[in-house]
PDB file of N, CA and C in Angstrom:
ATOM      1  N   UNK A   1      74.267-137.416 123.593  1.00  0.00           N
ATOM      2  CA  UNK A   1      74.166-138.255 122.416  1.00  0.00           C
ATOM      3  C   UNK A   1      74.457-137.460 121.143  1.00  0.00           C
ATOM      4  N   UNK A   2      73.941-136.236 121.052  1.00  0.00           N
ATOM      5  CA  UNK A   2      74.150-135.430 119.851  1.00  0.00           C
ATOM      6  C   UNK A   2      75.600-135.006 119.699  1.00  0.00           C
ATOM      7  N   UNK A   3      76.249-134.653 120.822  1.00  0.00           N
ATOM      8  CA  UNK A   3      77.656-134.263 120.748  1.00  0.00           C
ATOM      9  C   UNK A   3      78.527-135.443 120.344  1.00  0.00           C
ATOM     10  N   UNK A   4      78.190-136.597 120.823  1.00  0.00           N
ATOM     11  CA  UNK A   4      78.953-137.800 120.484  1.00  0.00           C
ATOM     12  C   UNK A   4      78.823-138.111 118.993  1.00  0.00           C
ATOM     13  N   UNK A   5      77.610-138.013 118.485  1.00  0.00           N
ATOM     14  CA  UNK A   5      77.369-138.259 117.057  1.00  0.00           C
ATOM     15  C   UNK A   5      78.121-137.241 116.207  1.00  0.00           C
ATOM     16  N   UNK A   6      78.078-135.974 116.609  1.00  0.00           N
ATOM     17  CA  UNK A   6      78.778-134.918 115.869  1.00  0.00           C
ATOM     18  C   UNK A   6      80.284-135.166 115.866  1.00  0.00           C
ATOM     19  N   UNK A   7      80.819-135.570 117.009  1.00  0.00           N
ATOM     20  CA  UNK A   7      82.260-135.813 117.113  1.00  0.00           C
ATOM     21  C   UNK A   7      82.684-136.956 116.195  1.00  0.00           C
ATOM     22  N   UNK A   8      81.940-138.064 116.199  1.00  0.00           N
ATOM     23  CA  UNK A   8      82.294-139.201 115.352  1.00  0.00           C
ATOM     24  C   UNK A   8      82.115-138.880 113.869  1.00  0.00           C
ATOM     25  N   UNK A   9      81.093-138.116 113.556  1.00  0.00           N
ATOM     26  CA  UNK A   9      80.893-137.712 112.165  1.00  0.00           C
ATOM     27  C   UNK A   9      82.035-136.829 111.689  1.00  0.00           C
ATOM     28  N   UNK A  10      82.467-135.908 112.554  1.00  0.00           N
ATOM     29  CA  UNK A  10      83.576-135.025 112.205  1.00  0.00           C
ATOM     30  C   UNK A  10      84.860-135.814 112.000  1.00  0.00           C
ATOM     31  N   UNK A  11      85.130-136.747 112.898  1.00  0.00           N
ATOM     32  CA  UNK A  11      86.333-137.577 112.766  1.00  0.00           C
ATOM     33  C   UNK A  11      86.281-138.391 111.480  1.00  0.00           C
ATOM     34  N   UNK A  12      85.128-138.937 111.156  1.00  0.00           N
ATOM     35  CA  UNK A  12      84.983-139.729 109.941  1.00  0.00           C
ATOM     36  C   UNK A  12      85.217-138.884 108.688  1.00  0.00           C
ATOM     37  N   UNK A  13      84.598-137.703 108.650  1.00  0.00           N
ATOM     38  CA  UNK A  13      84.745-136.830 107.475  1.00  0.00           C
ATOM     39  C   UNK A  13      86.195-136.380 107.319  1.00  0.00           C
ATOM     40  N   UNK A  14      86.839-135.994 108.405  1.00  0.00           N
ATOM     41  CA  UNK A  14      88.245-135.584 108.319  1.00  0.00           C
ATOM     42  C   UNK A  14      89.137-136.744 107.892  1.00  0.00           C
ATOM     43  N   UNK A  15      88.844-137.943 108.373  1.00  0.00           N
ATOM     44  CA  UNK A  15      89.613-139.110 107.958  1.00  0.00           C
ATOM     45  C   UNK A  15      89.484-139.383 106.463  1.00  0.00           C
ATOM     46  N   UNK A  16      88.269-139.289 105.956  1.00  0.00           N
ATOM     47  CA  UNK A  16      88.057-139.494 104.518  1.00  0.00           C
ATOM     48  C   UNK A  16      88.794-138.427 103.714  1.00  0.00           C
ATOM     49  N   UNK A  17      88.727-137.182 104.165  1.00  0.00           N
ATOM     50  CA  UNK A  17      89.431-136.113 103.450  1.00  0.00           C
ATOM     51  C   UNK A  17      90.936-136.328 103.452  1.00  0.00           C
ATOM     52  N   UNK A  18      91.488-136.770 104.567  1.00  0.00           N
ATOM     53  CA  UNK A  18      92.923-137.027 104.625  1.00  0.00           C
ATOM     54  C   UNK A  18      93.329-138.187 103.724  1.00  0.00           C
ATOM     55  N   UNK A  19      92.498-139.212 103.654  1.00  0.00           N
ATOM     56  CA  UNK A  19      92.803-140.337 102.768  1.00  0.00           C
ATOM     57  C   UNK A  19      92.746-139.920 101.299  1.00  0.00           C
ATOM     58  N   UNK A  20      91.814-139.042 100.960  1.00  0.00           N
ATOM     59  CA  UNK A  20      91.684-138.591  99.578  1.00  0.00           C
ATOM     60  C   UNK A  20      92.796-137.616  99.204  1.00  0.00           C
ATOM     61  N   UNK A  21      93.371-136.921 100.170  1.00  0.00           N
ATOM     62  CA  UNK A  21      94.410-135.938  99.886  1.00  0.00           C
ATOM     63  C   UNK A  21      95.773-136.590  99.668  1.00  0.00           C
ATOM     64  N   UNK A  22      95.929-137.841 100.032  1.00  0.00           N
ATOM     65  CA  UNK A  22      97.215-138.524  99.882  1.00  0.00           C
ATOM     66  C   UNK A  22      97.751-138.522  98.466  1.00  0.00           C
ATOM     67  N   UNK A  23      96.956-138.896  97.462  1.00  0.00           N
ATOM     68  CA  UNK A  23      97.474-138.879  96.088  1.00  0.00           C
ATOM     69  C   UNK A  23      97.860-137.474  95.611  1.00  0.00           C
ATOM     70  N   UNK A  24      97.178-136.463  96.083  1.00  0.00           N
ATOM     71  CA  UNK A  24      97.518-135.096  95.681  1.00  0.00           C
ATOM     72  C   UNK A  24      98.879-134.715  96.233  1.00  0.00           C
ATOM     73  N   UNK A  25      99.153-135.058  97.500  1.00  0.00           N
ATOM     74  CA  UNK A  25     100.457-134.772  98.082  1.00  0.00           C
ATOM     75  C   UNK A  25     101.550-135.565  97.383  1.00  0.00           C
ATOM     76  N   UNK A  26     101.234-136.749  96.889  1.00  0.00           N
ATOM     77  CA  UNK A  26     102.232-137.570  96.224  1.00  0.00           C
ATOM     78  C   UNK A  26     102.632-136.979  94.881  1.00  0.00           C
ATOM     79  N   UNK A  27     101.767-136.209  94.260  1.00  0.00           N
ATOM     80  CA  UNK A  27     102.077-135.628  92.960  1.00  0.00           C
ATOM     81  C   UNK A  27     102.996-134.424  93.067  1.00  0.00           C
ATOM     82  N   UNK A  28     103.235-133.913  94.248  1.00  0.00           N
ATOM     83  CA  UNK A  28     104.036-132.704  94.401  1.00  0.00           C
ATOM     84  C   UNK A  28     105.471-132.894  93.921  1.00  0.00           C
ATOM     85  N   UNK A  29     106.019-134.096  94.000  1.00  0.00           N
ATOM     86  CA  UNK A  29     107.398-134.329  93.595  1.00  0.00           C
ATOM     87  C   UNK A  29     107.546-134.692  92.124  1.00  0.00           C
ATOM     88  N   UNK A  30     106.455-134.880  91.411  1.00  0.00           N
ATOM     89  CA  UNK A  30     106.524-135.271  90.008  1.00  0.00           C
ATOM     90  C   UNK A  30     106.535-134.052  89.105  1.00  0.00           C
ATOM     91  N   UNK A  31     106.694-134.295  87.824  1.00  0.00           N
ATOM     92  CA  UNK A  31     106.685-133.202  86.861  1.00  0.00           C
ATOM     93  C   UNK A  31     105.331-132.497  86.827  1.00  0.00           C
ATOM     94  N   UNK A  32     104.267-133.241  87.064  1.00  0.00           N
ATOM     95  CA  UNK A  32     102.937-132.656  87.083  1.00  0.00           C
ATOM     96  C   UNK A  32     102.789-131.680  88.249  1.00  0.00           C
ATOM     97  N   UNK A  33     103.379-132.020  89.381  1.00  0.00           N
ATOM     98  CA  UNK A  33     103.282-131.152  90.551  1.00  0.00           C
ATOM     99  C   UNK A  33     104.127-129.910  90.457  1.00  0.00           C
ATOM    100  N   UNK A  34     105.142-129.902  89.591  1.00  0.00           N
ATOM    101  CA  UNK A  34     106.027-128.740  89.491  1.00  0.00           C
ATOM    102  C   UNK A  34     105.702-127.845  88.306  1.00  0.00           C
ATOM    103  N   UNK A  35     104.571-128.050  87.670  1.00  0.00           N
ATOM    104  CA  UNK A  35     104.198-127.207  86.538  1.00  0.00           C
ATOM    105  C   UNK A  35     103.907-125.794  86.995  1.00  0.00           C
ATOM    106  N   UNK A  36     104.237-124.842  86.141  1.00  0.00           N
ATOM    107  CA  UNK A  36     103.924-123.446  86.414  1.00  0.00           C
ATOM    108  C   UNK A  36     102.963-122.941  85.353  1.00  0.00           C
ATOM    109  N   UNK A  37     102.375-121.812  85.623  1.00  0.00           N
ATOM    110  CA  UNK A  37     101.428-121.229  84.689  1.00  0.00           C
ATOM    111  C   UNK A  37     102.188-120.685  83.480  1.00  0.00           C
ATOM    112  N   UNK A  38     101.795-121.113  82.316  1.00  0.00           N
ATOM    113  CA  UNK A  38     102.492-120.709  81.103  1.00  0.00           C
ATOM    114  C   UNK A  38     102.140-119.309  80.644  1.00  0.00           C
ATOM    115  N   UNK A  39     102.801-118.894  79.608  1.00  0.00           N
ATOM    116  CA  UNK A  39     102.620-117.548  79.079  1.00  0.00           C
ATOM    117  C   UNK A  39     101.221-117.354  78.493  1.00  0.00           C
ATOM    118  N   UNK A  40     100.601-118.414  78.026  1.00  0.00           N
ATOM    119  CA  UNK A  40      99.325-118.298  77.354  1.00  0.00           C
ATOM    120  C   UNK A  40      98.167-117.831  78.213  1.00  0.00           C
ATOM    121  N   UNK A  41      98.319-117.874  79.547  1.00  0.00           N
ATOM    122  CA  UNK A  41      97.208-117.511  80.420  1.00  0.00           C
ATOM    123  C   UNK A  41      97.301-116.091  80.969  1.00  0.00           C
ATOM    124  N   UNK A  42      98.320-115.343  80.648  1.00  0.00           N
ATOM    125  CA  UNK A  42      98.468-113.995  81.199  1.00  0.00           C
ATOM    126  C   UNK A  42      97.357-113.072  80.727  1.00  0.00           C
ATOM    127  N   UNK A  43      96.811-113.301  79.539  1.00  0.00           N
ATOM    128  CA  UNK A  43      95.728-112.439  79.067  1.00  0.00           C
ATOM    129  C   UNK A  43      94.477-112.601  79.924  1.00  0.00           C
ATOM    130  N   UNK A  44      94.293-113.775  80.512  1.00  0.00           N
ATOM    131  CA  UNK A  44      93.143-113.990  81.399  1.00  0.00           C
ATOM    132  C   UNK A  44      93.296-113.154  82.665  1.00  0.00           C
ATOM    133  N   UNK A  45      94.492-113.151  83.247  1.00  0.00           N
ATOM    134  CA  UNK A  45      94.730-112.338  84.434  1.00  0.00           C
ATOM    135  C   UNK A  45      94.605-110.857  84.115  1.00  0.00           C
ATOM    136  N   UNK A  46      95.087-110.446  82.962  1.00  0.00           N
ATOM    137  CA  UNK A  46      94.952-109.045  82.566  1.00  0.00           C
ATOM    138  C   UNK A  46      93.484-108.673  82.385  1.00  0.00           C
ATOM    139  N   UNK A  47      92.701-109.556  81.804  1.00  0.00           N
ATOM    140  CA  UNK A  47      91.275-109.284  81.621  1.00  0.00           C
ATOM    141  C   UNK A  47      90.567-109.173  82.970  1.00  0.00           C
ATOM    142  N   UNK A  48      90.883-110.061  83.908  1.00  0.00           N
ATOM    143  CA  UNK A  48      90.287-109.961  85.240  1.00  0.00           C
ATOM    144  C   UNK A  48      90.686-108.653  85.922  1.00  0.00           C
ATOM    145  N   UNK A  49      91.937-108.242  85.774  1.00  0.00           N
ATOM    146  CA  UNK A  49      92.387-106.987  86.381  1.00  0.00           C
ATOM    147  C   UNK A  49      91.619-105.808  85.800  1.00  0.00           C
ATOM    148  N   UNK A  50      91.431-105.791  84.491  1.00  0.00           N
ATOM    149  CA  UNK A  50      90.682-104.707  83.851  1.00  0.00           C
ATOM    150  C   UNK A  50      89.242-104.695  84.349  1.00  0.00           C
ATOM    151  N   UNK A  51      88.631-105.850  84.449  1.00  0.00           N
ATOM    152  CA  UNK A  51      87.243-105.923  84.914  1.00  0.00           C
ATOM    153  C   UNK A  51      87.135-105.437  86.350  1.00  0.00           C
ATOM    154  N   UNK A  52      88.054-105.845  87.228  1.00  0.00           N
ATOM    155  CA  UNK A  52      88.006-105.398  88.618  1.00  0.00           C
ATOM    156  C   UNK A  52      88.203-103.891  88.717  1.00  0.00           C
ATOM    157  N   UNK A  53      89.071-103.331  87.902  1.00  0.00           N
ATOM    158  CA  UNK A  53      89.275-101.880  87.915  1.00  0.00           C
ATOM    159  C   UNK A  53      88.015-101.171  87.447  1.00  0.00           C
ATOM    160  N   UNK A  54      87.367-101.681  86.408  1.00  0.00           N
ATOM    161  CA  UNK A  54      86.123-101.078  85.939  1.00  0.00           C
ATOM    162  C   UNK A  54      85.014-101.169  86.979  1.00  0.00           C
ATOM    163  N   UNK A  55      84.890-102.308  87.644  1.00  0.00           N
ATOM    164  CA  UNK A  55      83.864-102.469  88.675  1.00  0.00           C
ATOM    165  C   UNK A  55      84.142-101.527  89.843  1.00  0.00           C
ATOM    166  N   UNK A  56      85.388-101.410  90.247  1.00  0.00           N
ATOM    167  CA  UNK A  56      85.744-100.500  91.330  1.00  0.00           C
ATOM    168  C   UNK A  56      85.428 -99.055  90.954  1.00  0.00           C
ATOM    169  N   UNK A  57      85.747 -98.662  89.733  1.00  0.00           N
ATOM    170  CA  UNK A  57      85.411 -97.317  89.264  1.00  0.00           C
ATOM    171  C   UNK A  57      83.917 -97.075  89.241  1.00  0.00           C
ATOM    172  N   UNK A  58      83.166 -98.087  88.848  1.00  0.00           N
ATOM    173  CA  UNK A  58      81.705 -97.979  88.805  1.00  0.00           C
ATOM    174  C   UNK A  58      81.133 -97.791  90.201  1.00  0.00           C
ATOM    175  N   UNK A  59      81.640 -98.548  91.173  1.00  0.00           N
ATOM    176  CA  UNK A  59      81.172 -98.423  92.556  1.00  0.00           C
ATOM    177  C   UNK A  59      81.513 -97.044  93.113  1.00  0.00           C
ATOM    178  N   UNK A  60      82.715 -96.560  92.851  1.00  0.00           N
ATOM    179  CA  UNK A  60      83.102 -95.223  93.307  1.00  0.00           C
ATOM    180  C   UNK A  60      82.201 -94.172  92.672  1.00  0.00           C
ATOM    181  N   UNK A  61      81.883 -94.326  91.412  1.00  0.00           N
ATOM    182  CA  UNK A  61      80.990 -93.394  90.736  1.00  0.00           C
ATOM    183  C   UNK A  61      79.606 -93.383  91.378  1.00  0.00           C
ATOM    184  N   UNK A  62      79.081 -94.540  91.706  1.00  0.00           N
ATOM    185  CA  UNK A  62      77.768 -94.627  92.352  1.00  0.00           C
ATOM    186  C   UNK A  62      77.806 -93.949  93.720  1.00  0.00           C
ATOM    187  N   UNK A  63      78.872 -94.173  94.477  1.00  0.00           N
ATOM    188  CA  UNK A  63      78.992 -93.568  95.803  1.00  0.00           C
ATOM    189  C   UNK A  63      79.029 -92.045  95.691  1.00  0.00           C
ATOM    190  N   UNK A  64      79.778 -91.518  94.723  1.00  0.00           N
ATOM    191  CA  UNK A  64      79.862 -90.067  94.557  1.00  0.00           C
ATOM    192  C   UNK A  64      78.516 -89.477  94.158  1.00  0.00           C
ATOM    193  N   UNK A  65      77.804 -90.132  93.256  1.00  0.00           N
ATOM    194  CA  UNK A  65      76.488 -89.639  92.843  1.00  0.00           C
ATOM    195  C   UNK A  65      75.490 -89.693  93.993  1.00  0.00           C
ATOM    196  N   UNK A  66      75.533 -90.759  94.760  1.00  0.00           N
ATOM    197  CA  UNK A  66      74.631 -90.888  95.894  1.00  0.00           C
ATOM    198  C   UNK A  66      74.917 -89.800  96.931  1.00  0.00           C
ATOM    199  N   UNK A  67      76.176 -89.482  97.153  1.00  0.00           N
ATOM    200  CA  UNK A  67      76.541 -88.424  98.087  1.00  0.00           C
ATOM    201  C   UNK A  67      75.989 -87.076  97.612  1.00  0.00           C
ATOM    202  N   UNK A  68      76.094 -86.817  96.298  1.00  0.00           N
ATOM    203  CA  UNK A  68      75.562 -85.576  95.755  1.00  0.00           C
ATOM    204  C   UNK A  68      74.049 -85.479  95.944  1.00  0.00           C
ATOM    205  N   UNK A  69      73.346 -86.570  95.705  1.00  0.00           N
ATOM    206  CA  UNK A  69      71.893 -86.582  95.863  1.00  0.00           C
ATOM    207  C   UNK A  69      71.524 -86.366  97.330  1.00  0.00           C
ATOM    208  N   UNK A  70      72.256 -87.001  98.251  1.00  0.00           N
ATOM    209  CA  UNK A  70      71.974 -86.803  99.658  1.00  0.00           C
ATOM    210  C   UNK A  70      72.220 -85.366 100.090  1.00  0.00           C
ATOM    211  N   UNK A  71      73.264 -84.733  99.552  1.00  0.00           N
ATOM    212  CA  UNK A  71      73.525 -83.327  99.875  1.00  0.00           C
ATOM    213  C   UNK A  71      72.413 -82.420  99.355  1.00  0.00           C
ATOM    214  N   UNK A  72      71.924 -82.698  98.151  1.00  0.00           N
ATOM    215  CA  UNK A  72      70.827 -81.895  97.606  1.00  0.00           C
ATOM    216  C   UNK A  72      69.556 -82.059  98.439  1.00  0.00           C
ATOM    217  N   UNK A  73      69.267 -83.279  98.841  1.00  0.00           N
ATOM    218  CA  UNK A  73      68.075 -83.521  99.658  1.00  0.00           C
ATOM    219  C   UNK A  73      68.225 -82.901 101.040  1.00  0.00           C
ATOM    220  N   UNK A  74      69.446 -82.862 101.577  1.00  0.00           N
ATOM    221  CA  UNK A  74      69.675 -82.277 102.886  1.00  0.00           C
ATOM    222  C   UNK A  74      69.526 -80.767 102.856  1.00  0.00           C
ATOM    223  N   UNK A  75      69.830 -80.131 101.734  1.00  0.00           N
ATOM    224  CA  UNK A  75      69.731 -78.675 101.608  1.00  0.00           C
ATOM    225  C   UNK A  75      68.298 -78.218 101.428  1.00  0.00           C
ATOM    226  N   UNK A  76      67.432 -79.075 100.968  1.00  0.00           N
ATOM    227  CA  UNK A  76      66.042 -78.671 100.701  1.00  0.00           C
ATOM    228  C   UNK A  76      65.150 -78.848 101.888  1.00  0.00           C
TER     229      UNK A  76
END
């Protein structure tokens, strides 16, 4: 009984999702569907890149400091 209920629920949910996705697929051939990202948003991508580089550097710094502390504790 539980497997049957799960199967019908899954089929129903997938059917609803497919019906809702129809208008989105229809927009692909229109001018709205062929829009590209304009020049005005490149600063956002650059800001995200800078933040990711800073976070990566911070994590590497923490790892190096932790390694040094572990070496000092191992020597004592």
